[in-house]
Amino acid sequence: MPLRLNHFIGTLIGQCLYLTKSDSRAVVSKNIQLCFPKFNLEQQQILIKKSLIESGKSLSESGFIWFRNFDDNAKYITKKIGIEYLKSDKTVILLVPHFGCWELVARMVSLSEPVVFMYKALKNKQQNALLLSKREQGDLFMASANKKGIIKLQRAINNKQLIAILPDQDPGEVGSILAPFFSQNTRTMTLLARLARKNNAQVVMAWAKRLPIAKGYELNLKPVKILSDTNTLEDDVSLMNKAIEDLVITQPEQYLWNYKRFKSVVKY
């Protein structure tokens, strides 16, 4: 299926989610109301609709990415910005927000350097095995979001390998603190900040921006400062959230708003 047709189907999915009283629309609406309170009702509705359309594309393009090989995926990357930041004398940790096509980031980075990505295992063992078989190929390795996975990440760092973490989901009370994100004091993972400080690492934010009219994707890598001058975990995590927030506001519709990001502090 060509990418244009794939994204057309994703657009239809998103429009259906918007026009019906779907759970996704309810969650997206709540998140956008919380994060963009200065938007009037019309502006919020426009962003809600755009966000659901991008969510539809994210869903439809998953198969487009998973069931093609890495080199074929690479054909749809029209531009690479900051790829040189993957190589450094210091340890490099990739901060990968749920923005644009994050599934593509892992594959494209692994074509340049071996990398270990942390992921949350699915409860269904068969589905999880299928997911791993599509993700863990070539120089892309996966580490589960548990103690065993954390050990694997640190071992990779010791072996001078890249690691990558998607830190913008609610991990529960264990391994998290409350930190501001879009002015909401929300539960946030501390692992990336702790590993960065422990290993004096350079944190590089990585994302694949989805281009309009199915023209492909733009791969971006940008160093960000998340290690605070105060040397406190709270300030480190706050800086991390601010870096993600600064990216999100550039194209807010491409962020994962249909996830209950603030479930620890608000009721959905």
C-alpha atoms as a PDB file:
ATOM      1  CA  MET A   1       0.000   0.000   0.000  1.00  0.00           C
ATOM      2  CA  PRO A   2       1.487   3.398  -0.955  1.00  0.00           C
ATOM      3  CA  LEU A   3       2.040   5.814   1.938  1.00  0.00           C
ATOM      4  CA  ARG A   4      -0.479   8.280   0.493  1.00  0.00           C
ATOM      5  CA  LEU A   5      -3.232   5.648   0.547  1.00  0.00           C
ATOM      6  CA  ASN A   6      -2.116   4.498   3.990  1.00  0.00           C
ATOM      7  CA  HIS A   7      -2.362   8.016   5.410  1.00  0.00           C
ATOM      8  CA  PHE A   8      -5.690   8.558   3.634  1.00  0.00           C
ATOM      9  CA  ILE A   9      -7.056   5.536   5.509  1.00  0.00           C
ATOM     10  CA  GLY A  10      -5.515   6.883   8.722  1.00  0.00           C
ATOM     11  CA  THR A  11      -7.227  10.218   8.099  1.00  0.00           C
ATOM     12  CA  LEU A  12     -10.589   8.457   7.732  1.00  0.00           C
ATOM     13  CA  ILE A  13      -9.981   6.608  11.001  1.00  0.00           C
ATOM     14  CA  GLY A  14      -9.181   9.897  12.751  1.00  0.00           C
ATOM     15  CA  GLN A  15     -12.260  11.614  11.336  1.00  0.00           C
ATOM     16  CA  CYS A  16     -14.435   8.724  12.550  1.00  0.00           C
ATOM     17  CA  LEU A  17     -12.892   9.042  16.020  1.00  0.00           C
ATOM     18  CA  TYR A  18     -13.700  12.748  15.976  1.00  0.00           C
ATOM     19  CA  LEU A  19     -17.270  12.434  14.679  1.00  0.00           C
ATOM     20  CA  THR A  20     -18.231   9.682  17.129  1.00  0.00           C
ATOM     21  CA  LYS A  21     -18.233   9.770  20.909  1.00  0.00           C
ATOM     22  CA  SER A  22     -15.092   7.666  21.044  1.00  0.00           C
ATOM     23  CA  ASP A  23     -12.925   7.177  24.105  1.00  0.00           C
ATOM     24  CA  SER A  24     -10.018   8.600  22.105  1.00  0.00           C
ATOM     25  CA  ARG A  25     -11.891  11.837  21.454  1.00  0.00           C
ATOM     26  CA  ALA A  26     -12.748  12.150  25.157  1.00  0.00           C
ATOM     27  CA  VAL A  27      -9.117  11.659  26.225  1.00  0.00           C
ATOM     28  CA  VAL A  28      -7.704  13.969  23.549  1.00  0.00           C
ATOM     29  CA  SER A  29     -10.258  16.643  24.417  1.00  0.00           C
ATOM     30  CA  LYS A  30      -9.390  16.471  28.128  1.00  0.00           C
ATOM     31  CA  ASN A  31      -5.647  16.671  27.471  1.00  0.00           C
ATOM     32  CA  ILE A  32      -5.925  19.599  25.081  1.00  0.00           C
ATOM     33  CA  GLN A  33      -8.202  21.498  27.459  1.00  0.00           C
ATOM     34  CA  LEU A  34      -5.613  20.984  30.205  1.00  0.00           C
ATOM     35  CA  CYS A  35      -2.565  21.883  28.123  1.00  0.00           C
ATOM     36  CA  PHE A  36      -3.956  24.696  25.975  1.00  0.00           C
ATOM     37  CA  PRO A  37      -6.323  26.586  28.305  1.00  0.00           C
ATOM     38  CA  LYS A  38      -5.697  29.859  26.444  1.00  0.00           C
ATOM     39  CA  PHE A  39      -7.175  28.410  23.255  1.00  0.00           C
ATOM     40  CA  ASN A  40     -10.802  29.336  22.706  1.00  0.00           C
ATOM     41  CA  LEU A  41     -13.363  26.586  22.092  1.00  0.00           C
ATOM     42  CA  GLU A  42     -13.013  26.752  18.310  1.00  0.00           C
ATOM     43  CA  GLN A  43      -9.196  26.555  18.462  1.00  0.00           C
ATOM     44  CA  GLN A  44      -9.386  23.600  20.817  1.00  0.00           C
ATOM     45  CA  GLN A  45     -11.811  21.747  18.537  1.00  0.00           C
ATOM     46  CA  ILE A  46      -9.570  22.316  15.521  1.00  0.00           C
ATOM     47  CA  LEU A  47      -6.589  20.893  17.417  1.00  0.00           C
ATOM     48  CA  ILE A  48      -8.643  17.950  18.723  1.00  0.00           C
ATOM     49  CA  LYS A  49      -9.681  17.021  15.186  1.00  0.00           C
ATOM     50  CA  LYS A  50      -6.141  17.396  13.800  1.00  0.00           C
ATOM     51  CA  SER A  51      -4.771  15.335  16.673  1.00  0.00           C
ATOM     52  CA  LEU A  52      -7.211  12.483  16.086  1.00  0.00           C
ATOM     53  CA  ILE A  53      -6.363  12.476  12.376  1.00  0.00           C
ATOM     54  CA  GLU A  54      -2.656  12.191  13.218  1.00  0.00           C
ATOM     55  CA  SER A  55      -3.510   9.395  15.681  1.00  0.00           C
ATOM     56  CA  GLY A  56      -5.328   7.614  12.852  1.00  0.00           C
ATOM     57  CA  LYS A  57      -2.240   7.928  10.658  1.00  0.00           C
ATOM     58  CA  SER A  58      -0.077   6.618  13.493  1.00  0.00           C
ATOM     59  CA  LEU A  59      -2.305   3.563  13.689  1.00  0.00           C
ATOM     60  CA  SER A  60      -2.480   2.897   9.934  1.00  0.00           C
ATOM     61  CA  GLU A  61       1.238   3.431   9.342  1.00  0.00           C
ATOM     62  CA  SER A  62       2.269   0.905  12.021  1.00  0.00           C
ATOM     63  CA  GLY A  63       1.781  -1.969   9.590  1.00  0.00           C
ATOM     64  CA  PHE A  64       3.400   0.103   6.842  1.00  0.00           C
ATOM     65  CA  ILE A  65       6.535   0.297   9.001  1.00  0.00           C
ATOM     66  CA  TRP A  66       6.559  -3.090  10.771  1.00  0.00           C
ATOM     67  CA  PHE A  67       6.013  -5.207   7.669  1.00  0.00           C
ATOM     68  CA  ARG A  68       8.674  -3.516   5.557  1.00  0.00           C
ATOM     69  CA  ASN A  69      12.412  -3.896   6.087  1.00  0.00           C
ATOM     70  CA  PHE A  70      14.524  -1.119   7.571  1.00  0.00           C
ATOM     71  CA  ASP A  71      16.127  -0.117   4.280  1.00  0.00           C
ATOM     72  CA  ASP A  72      12.719   0.209   2.659  1.00  0.00           C
ATOM     73  CA  ASN A  73      11.545   2.369   5.573  1.00  0.00           C
ATOM     74  CA  ALA A  74      14.579   4.585   5.025  1.00  0.00           C
ATOM     75  CA  LYS A  75      13.347   5.495   1.545  1.00  0.00           C
ATOM     76  CA  TYR A  76      10.609   7.573   3.157  1.00  0.00           C
ATOM     77  CA  ILE A  77      13.024   9.715   5.169  1.00  0.00           C
ATOM     78  CA  THR A  78      13.331  12.859   3.054  1.00  0.00           C
ATOM     79  CA  LYS A  79      15.757  14.667   5.339  1.00  0.00           C
ATOM     80  CA  LYS A  80      18.042  13.903   8.285  1.00  0.00           C
ATOM     81  CA  ILE A  81      18.942  16.700  10.669  1.00  0.00           C
ATOM     82  CA  GLY A  82      21.539  16.259  13.411  1.00  0.00           C
ATOM     83  CA  ILE A  83      22.494  12.664  12.622  1.00  0.00           C
ATOM     84  CA  GLU A  84      26.077  13.565  13.598  1.00  0.00           C
ATOM     85  CA  TYR A  85      24.996  13.766  17.254  1.00  0.00           C
ATOM     86  CA  LEU A  86      24.783   9.970  17.384  1.00  0.00           C
ATOM     87  CA  LYS A  87      28.592   9.913  17.547  1.00  0.00           C
ATOM     88  CA  SER A  88      30.227  11.441  20.593  1.00  0.00           C
ATOM     89  CA  ASP A  89      33.109  10.887  22.994  1.00  0.00           C
ATOM     90  CA  LYS A  90      30.490  10.949  25.744  1.00  0.00           C
ATOM     91  CA  THR A  91      27.728   8.437  26.376  1.00  0.00           C
ATOM     92  CA  VAL A  92      24.671   9.324  24.282  1.00  0.00           C
ATOM     93  CA  ILE A  93      21.136   8.666  25.500  1.00  0.00           C
ATOM     94  CA  LEU A  94      18.277   9.243  23.084  1.00  0.00           C
ATOM     95  CA  LEU A  95      15.156  10.901  24.444  1.00  0.00           C
ATOM     96  CA  VAL A  96      12.329   9.853  22.110  1.00  0.00           C
ATOM     97  CA  PRO A  97       8.974  11.540  22.816  1.00  0.00           C
ATOM     98  CA  HIS A  98       5.686  10.108  21.536  1.00  0.00           C
ATOM     99  CA  PHE A  99       5.728  12.636  18.707  1.00  0.00           C
ATOM    100  CA  GLY A 100       5.297  12.031  14.998  1.00  0.00           C
ATOM    101  CA  CYS A 101       6.303   8.513  13.961  1.00  0.00           C
ATOM    102  CA  TRP A 102       8.340   7.297  16.921  1.00  0.00           C
ATOM    103  CA  GLU A 103       8.370   3.701  15.626  1.00  0.00           C
ATOM    104  CA  LEU A 104      10.432   4.910  12.679  1.00  0.00           C
ATOM    105  CA  VAL A 105      13.037   6.594  14.899  1.00  0.00           C
ATOM    106  CA  ALA A 106      14.260   3.293  16.327  1.00  0.00           C
ATOM    107  CA  ARG A 107      14.710   1.715  12.907  1.00  0.00           C
ATOM    108  CA  MET A 108      16.439   4.685  11.330  1.00  0.00           C
ATOM    109  CA  VAL A 109      18.866   5.219  14.210  1.00  0.00           C
ATOM    110  CA  SER A 110      19.830   1.532  14.135  1.00  0.00           C
ATOM    111  CA  LEU A 111      20.925   1.910  10.503  1.00  0.00           C
ATOM    112  CA  SER A 112      23.626   4.308  11.725  1.00  0.00           C
ATOM    113  CA  GLU A 113      24.520   2.869  15.136  1.00  0.00           C
ATOM    114  CA  PRO A 114      23.534  -0.186  17.236  1.00  0.00           C
ATOM    115  CA  VAL A 115      20.908   0.947  19.729  1.00  0.00           C
ATOM    116  CA  VAL A 116      18.913  -0.516  22.615  1.00  0.00           C
ATOM    117  CA  PHE A 117      15.373   0.855  22.940  1.00  0.00           C
ATOM    118  CA  MET A 118      13.284   0.457  26.066  1.00  0.00           C
ATOM    119  CA  TYR A 119       9.697  -0.688  25.486  1.00  0.00           C
ATOM    120  CA  LYS A 120       6.671  -1.672  27.539  1.00  0.00           C
ATOM    121  CA  ALA A 121       5.858  -5.337  27.011  1.00  0.00           C
ATOM    122  CA  LEU A 122       2.308  -6.281  25.990  1.00  0.00           C
ATOM    123  CA  LYS A 123       0.305  -8.452  28.368  1.00  0.00           C
ATOM    124  CA  ASN A 124      -0.586 -10.918  25.607  1.00  0.00           C
ATOM    125  CA  LYS A 125       2.532 -13.081  25.122  1.00  0.00           C
ATOM    126  CA  GLN A 126       1.762 -13.949  21.486  1.00  0.00           C
ATOM    127  CA  GLN A 127       1.177 -10.312  20.565  1.00  0.00           C
ATOM    128  CA  ASN A 128       4.328  -9.307  22.412  1.00  0.00           C
ATOM    129  CA  ALA A 129       6.360 -11.954  20.560  1.00  0.00           C
ATOM    130  CA  LEU A 130       5.033 -10.627  17.231  1.00  0.00           C
ATOM    131  CA  LEU A 131       5.849  -7.059  18.263  1.00  0.00           C
ATOM    132  CA  LEU A 132       9.406  -8.029  19.207  1.00  0.00           C
ATOM    133  CA  SER A 133       9.902  -9.954  15.962  1.00  0.00           C
ATOM    134  CA  LYS A 134       9.064  -6.797  13.989  1.00  0.00           C
ATOM    135  CA  ARG A 135      11.044  -4.423  16.176  1.00  0.00           C
ATOM    136  CA  GLU A 136      14.144  -6.371  17.155  1.00  0.00           C
ATOM    137  CA  GLN A 137      16.038  -6.747  13.904  1.00  0.00           C
ATOM    138  CA  GLY A 138      19.526  -5.910  12.676  1.00  0.00           C
ATOM    139  CA  ASP A 139      21.239  -3.524  15.106  1.00  0.00           C
ATOM    140  CA  LEU A 140      18.004  -2.635  16.920  1.00  0.00           C
ATOM    141  CA  PHE A 141      17.656  -4.307  20.312  1.00  0.00           C
ATOM    142  CA  MET A 142      14.825  -4.018  22.821  1.00  0.00           C
ATOM    143  CA  ALA A 143      14.877  -3.799  26.625  1.00  0.00           C
ATOM    144  CA  SER A 144      11.687  -4.345  28.594  1.00  0.00           C
ATOM    145  CA  ALA A 145      10.565  -1.678  31.070  1.00  0.00           C
ATOM    146  CA  ASN A 146      11.520  -3.590  34.223  1.00  0.00           C
ATOM    147  CA  LYS A 147      14.601  -4.262  36.370  1.00  0.00           C
ATOM    148  CA  LYS A 148      15.990  -6.725  33.844  1.00  0.00           C
ATOM    149  CA  GLY A 149      15.588  -4.141  31.088  1.00  0.00           C
ATOM    150  CA  ILE A 150      17.304  -1.427  33.134  1.00  0.00           C
ATOM    151  CA  ILE A 151      20.281  -3.727  33.670  1.00  0.00           C
ATOM    152  CA  LYS A 152      20.375  -4.311  29.905  1.00  0.00           C
ATOM    153  CA  LEU A 153      20.413  -0.552  29.276  1.00  0.00           C
ATOM    154  CA  GLN A 154      23.280   0.029  31.702  1.00  0.00           C
ATOM    155  CA  ARG A 155      25.218  -2.870  30.180  1.00  0.00           C
ATOM    156  CA  ALA A 156      24.751  -1.277  26.758  1.00  0.00           C
ATOM    157  CA  ILE A 157      26.076   2.034  28.075  1.00  0.00           C
ATOM    158  CA  ASN A 158      29.112   0.233  29.539  1.00  0.00           C
ATOM    159  CA  ASN A 159      29.697  -1.269  26.089  1.00  0.00           C
ATOM    160  CA  LYS A 160      29.589   2.207  24.470  1.00  0.00           C
ATOM    161  CA  GLN A 161      26.237   1.530  22.791  1.00  0.00           C
ATOM    162  CA  LEU A 162      23.405   3.969  22.247  1.00  0.00           C
ATOM    163  CA  ILE A 163      20.292   3.572  24.359  1.00  0.00           C
ATOM    164  CA  ALA A 164      16.884   5.175  23.860  1.00  0.00           C
ATOM    165  CA  ILE A 165      13.961   5.782  26.204  1.00  0.00           C
ATOM    166  CA  LEU A 166      10.433   7.144  25.643  1.00  0.00           C
ATOM    167  CA  PRO A 167       9.958   8.885  29.005  1.00  0.00           C
ATOM    168  CA  ASP A 168       6.642  10.708  28.497  1.00  0.00           C
ATOM    169  CA  GLN A 169       4.191   8.158  29.857  1.00  0.00           C
ATOM    170  CA  ASP A 170       2.898   7.631  33.389  1.00  0.00           C
ATOM    171  CA  PRO A 171       4.966   4.742  34.834  1.00  0.00           C
ATOM    172  CA  GLY A 172       3.028   4.601  38.094  1.00  0.00           C
ATOM    173  CA  GLU A 173       4.415   5.531  41.493  1.00  0.00           C
ATOM    174  CA  VAL A 174       7.523   3.355  41.289  1.00  0.00           C
ATOM    175  CA  GLY A 175      10.379   5.042  39.435  1.00  0.00           C
ATOM    176  CA  SER A 176       8.633   8.381  39.036  1.00  0.00           C
ATOM    177  CA  ILE A 177       8.165  11.796  40.596  1.00  0.00           C
ATOM    178  CA  LEU A 178       5.685  14.620  40.083  1.00  0.00           C
ATOM    179  CA  ALA A 179       7.039  17.211  37.647  1.00  0.00           C
ATOM    180  CA  PRO A 180       5.423  19.977  35.566  1.00  0.00           C
ATOM    181  CA  PHE A 181       4.374  19.223  32.005  1.00  0.00           C
ATOM    182  CA  PHE A 182       2.272  21.894  30.286  1.00  0.00           C
ATOM    183  CA  SER A 183       1.793  23.411  33.771  1.00  0.00           C
ATOM    184  CA  GLN A 184       0.290  20.166  35.056  1.00  0.00           C
ATOM    185  CA  ASN A 185       2.188  18.537  37.927  1.00  0.00           C
ATOM    186  CA  THR A 186       2.171  15.030  36.527  1.00  0.00           C
ATOM    187  CA  ARG A 187       3.857  11.732  37.329  1.00  0.00           C
ATOM    188  CA  THR A 188       7.001  11.376  35.223  1.00  0.00           C
ATOM    189  CA  MET A 189       9.597   8.638  34.713  1.00  0.00           C
ATOM    190  CA  THR A 190      12.976   9.339  36.334  1.00  0.00           C
ATOM    191  CA  LEU A 191      15.026   6.601  34.645  1.00  0.00           C
ATOM    192  CA  LEU A 192      16.385   8.654  31.751  1.00  0.00           C
ATOM    193  CA  ALA A 193      17.499  11.494  34.006  1.00  0.00           C
ATOM    194  CA  ARG A 194      19.091   9.094  36.505  1.00  0.00           C
ATOM    195  CA  LEU A 195      21.030   7.234  33.808  1.00  0.00           C
ATOM    196  CA  ALA A 196      22.129  10.501  32.207  1.00  0.00           C
ATOM    197  CA  ARG A 197      23.495  11.837  35.495  1.00  0.00           C
ATOM    198  CA  LYS A 198      25.080   8.536  36.545  1.00  0.00           C
ATOM    199  CA  ASN A 199      26.918   8.211  33.229  1.00  0.00           C
ATOM    200  CA  ASN A 200      27.486  11.933  32.558  1.00  0.00           C
ATOM    201  CA  ALA A 201      25.669  11.395  29.279  1.00  0.00           C
ATOM    202  CA  GLN A 202      24.731  13.726  26.449  1.00  0.00           C
ATOM    203  CA  VAL A 203      20.966  13.541  25.980  1.00  0.00           C
ATOM    204  CA  VAL A 204      19.825  13.844  22.368  1.00  0.00           C
ATOM    205  CA  MET A 205      16.147  14.217  21.568  1.00  0.00           C
ATOM    206  CA  ALA A 206      15.082  12.261  18.479  1.00  0.00           C
ATOM    207  CA  TRP A 207      11.843  12.401  16.521  1.00  0.00           C
ATOM    208  CA  ALA A 208      10.467  11.666  13.044  1.00  0.00           C
ATOM    209  CA  LYS A 209       8.170  14.454  11.935  1.00  0.00           C
ATOM    210  CA  ARG A 210       5.322  13.326   9.707  1.00  0.00           C
ATOM    211  CA  LEU A 211       5.269  15.467   6.554  1.00  0.00           C
ATOM    212  CA  PRO A 212       2.026  16.711   4.958  1.00  0.00           C
ATOM    213  CA  ILE A 213       0.350  15.036   1.967  1.00  0.00           C
ATOM    214  CA  ALA A 214       2.170  11.752   2.706  1.00  0.00           C
ATOM    215  CA  LYS A 215       5.499  13.170   1.538  1.00  0.00           C
ATOM    216  CA  GLY A 216       7.378  11.038   4.071  1.00  0.00           C
ATOM    217  CA  TYR A 217       9.188  11.875   7.286  1.00  0.00           C
ATOM    218  CA  GLU A 218      11.927  14.154   8.532  1.00  0.00           C
ATOM    219  CA  LEU A 219      14.330  12.590  11.047  1.00  0.00           C
ATOM    220  CA  ASN A 220      15.579  15.048  13.663  1.00  0.00           C
ATOM    221  CA  LEU A 221      18.197  14.754  16.401  1.00  0.00           C
ATOM    222  CA  LYS A 222      18.918  17.618  18.769  1.00  0.00           C
ATOM    223  CA  PRO A 223      21.028  17.771  21.957  1.00  0.00           C
ATOM    224  CA  VAL A 224      19.010  18.938  24.956  1.00  0.00           C
ATOM    225  CA  LYS A 225      20.091  19.903  28.453  1.00  0.00           C
ATOM    226  CA  ILE A 226      18.290  17.943  31.137  1.00  0.00           C
ATOM    227  CA  LEU A 227      21.003  17.815  33.810  1.00  0.00           C
ATOM    228  CA  SER A 228      20.228  20.756  36.075  1.00  0.00           C
ATOM    229  CA  ASP A 229      22.758  23.055  37.707  1.00  0.00           C
ATOM    230  CA  THR A 230      21.156  22.223  41.056  1.00  0.00           C
ATOM    231  CA  ASN A 231      22.047  18.530  40.633  1.00  0.00           C
ATOM    232  CA  THR A 232      18.603  17.491  41.844  1.00  0.00           C
ATOM    233  CA  LEU A 233      16.482  14.775  40.258  1.00  0.00           C
ATOM    234  CA  GLU A 234      13.378  16.956  40.483  1.00  0.00           C
ATOM    235  CA  ASP A 235      14.983  19.720  38.413  1.00  0.00           C
ATOM    236  CA  ASP A 236      16.494  17.228  35.969  1.00  0.00           C
ATOM    237  CA  VAL A 237      13.078  15.678  35.265  1.00  0.00           C
ATOM    238  CA  SER A 238      11.482  19.125  34.991  1.00  0.00           C
ATOM    239  CA  LEU A 239      14.058  20.125  32.365  1.00  0.00           C
ATOM    240  CA  MET A 240      13.338  16.890  30.485  1.00  0.00           C
ATOM    241  CA  ASN A 241       9.604  17.618  30.450  1.00  0.00           C
ATOM    242  CA  LYS A 242      10.257  21.188  29.310  1.00  0.00           C
ATOM    243  CA  ALA A 243      12.380  19.920  26.390  1.00  0.00           C
ATOM    244  CA  ILE A 244       9.522  17.641  25.313  1.00  0.00           C
ATOM    245  CA  GLU A 245       7.008  20.448  25.738  1.00  0.00           C
ATOM    246  CA  ASP A 246       9.096  22.766  23.555  1.00  0.00           C
ATOM    247  CA  LEU A 247       8.998  20.160  20.777  1.00  0.00           C
ATOM    248  CA  VAL A 248       5.285  19.469  21.151  1.00  0.00           C
ATOM    249  CA  ILE A 249       4.241  23.107  20.743  1.00  0.00           C
ATOM    250  CA  THR A 250       5.941  23.233  17.322  1.00  0.00           C
ATOM    251  CA  GLN A 251       3.265  20.867  15.937  1.00  0.00           C
ATOM    252  CA  PRO A 252       0.952  19.862  18.794  1.00  0.00           C
ATOM    253  CA  GLU A 253      -1.294  17.710  16.593  1.00  0.00           C
ATOM    254  CA  GLN A 254       1.562  15.214  16.124  1.00  0.00           C
ATOM    255  CA  TYR A 255       1.848  14.447  19.844  1.00  0.00           C
ATOM    256  CA  LEU A 256       0.195  11.401  21.432  1.00  0.00           C
ATOM    257  CA  TRP A 257      -2.775  13.149  23.050  1.00  0.00           C
ATOM    258  CA  ASN A 258      -5.001  10.055  23.159  1.00  0.00           C
ATOM    259  CA  TYR A 259      -2.929   8.671  26.049  1.00  0.00           C
ATOM    260  CA  LYS A 260      -4.045   9.429  29.628  1.00  0.00           C
ATOM    261  CA  ARG A 261      -0.856  11.322  30.407  1.00  0.00           C
ATOM    262  CA  PHE A 262      -2.258  13.081  33.470  1.00  0.00           C
ATOM    263  CA  LYS A 263      -4.187  10.163  35.008  1.00  0.00           C
ATOM    264  CA  SER A 264      -2.287  10.478  38.286  1.00  0.00           C
ATOM    265  CA  VAL A 265      -3.617  13.984  38.906  1.00  0.00           C
ATOM    266  CA  VAL A 266      -6.917  14.302  36.987  1.00  0.00           C
ATOM    267  CA  LYS A 267      -9.909  12.093  36.308  1.00  0.00           C
ATOM    268  CA  TYR A 268     -10.605  11.037  32.710  1.00  0.00           C
END
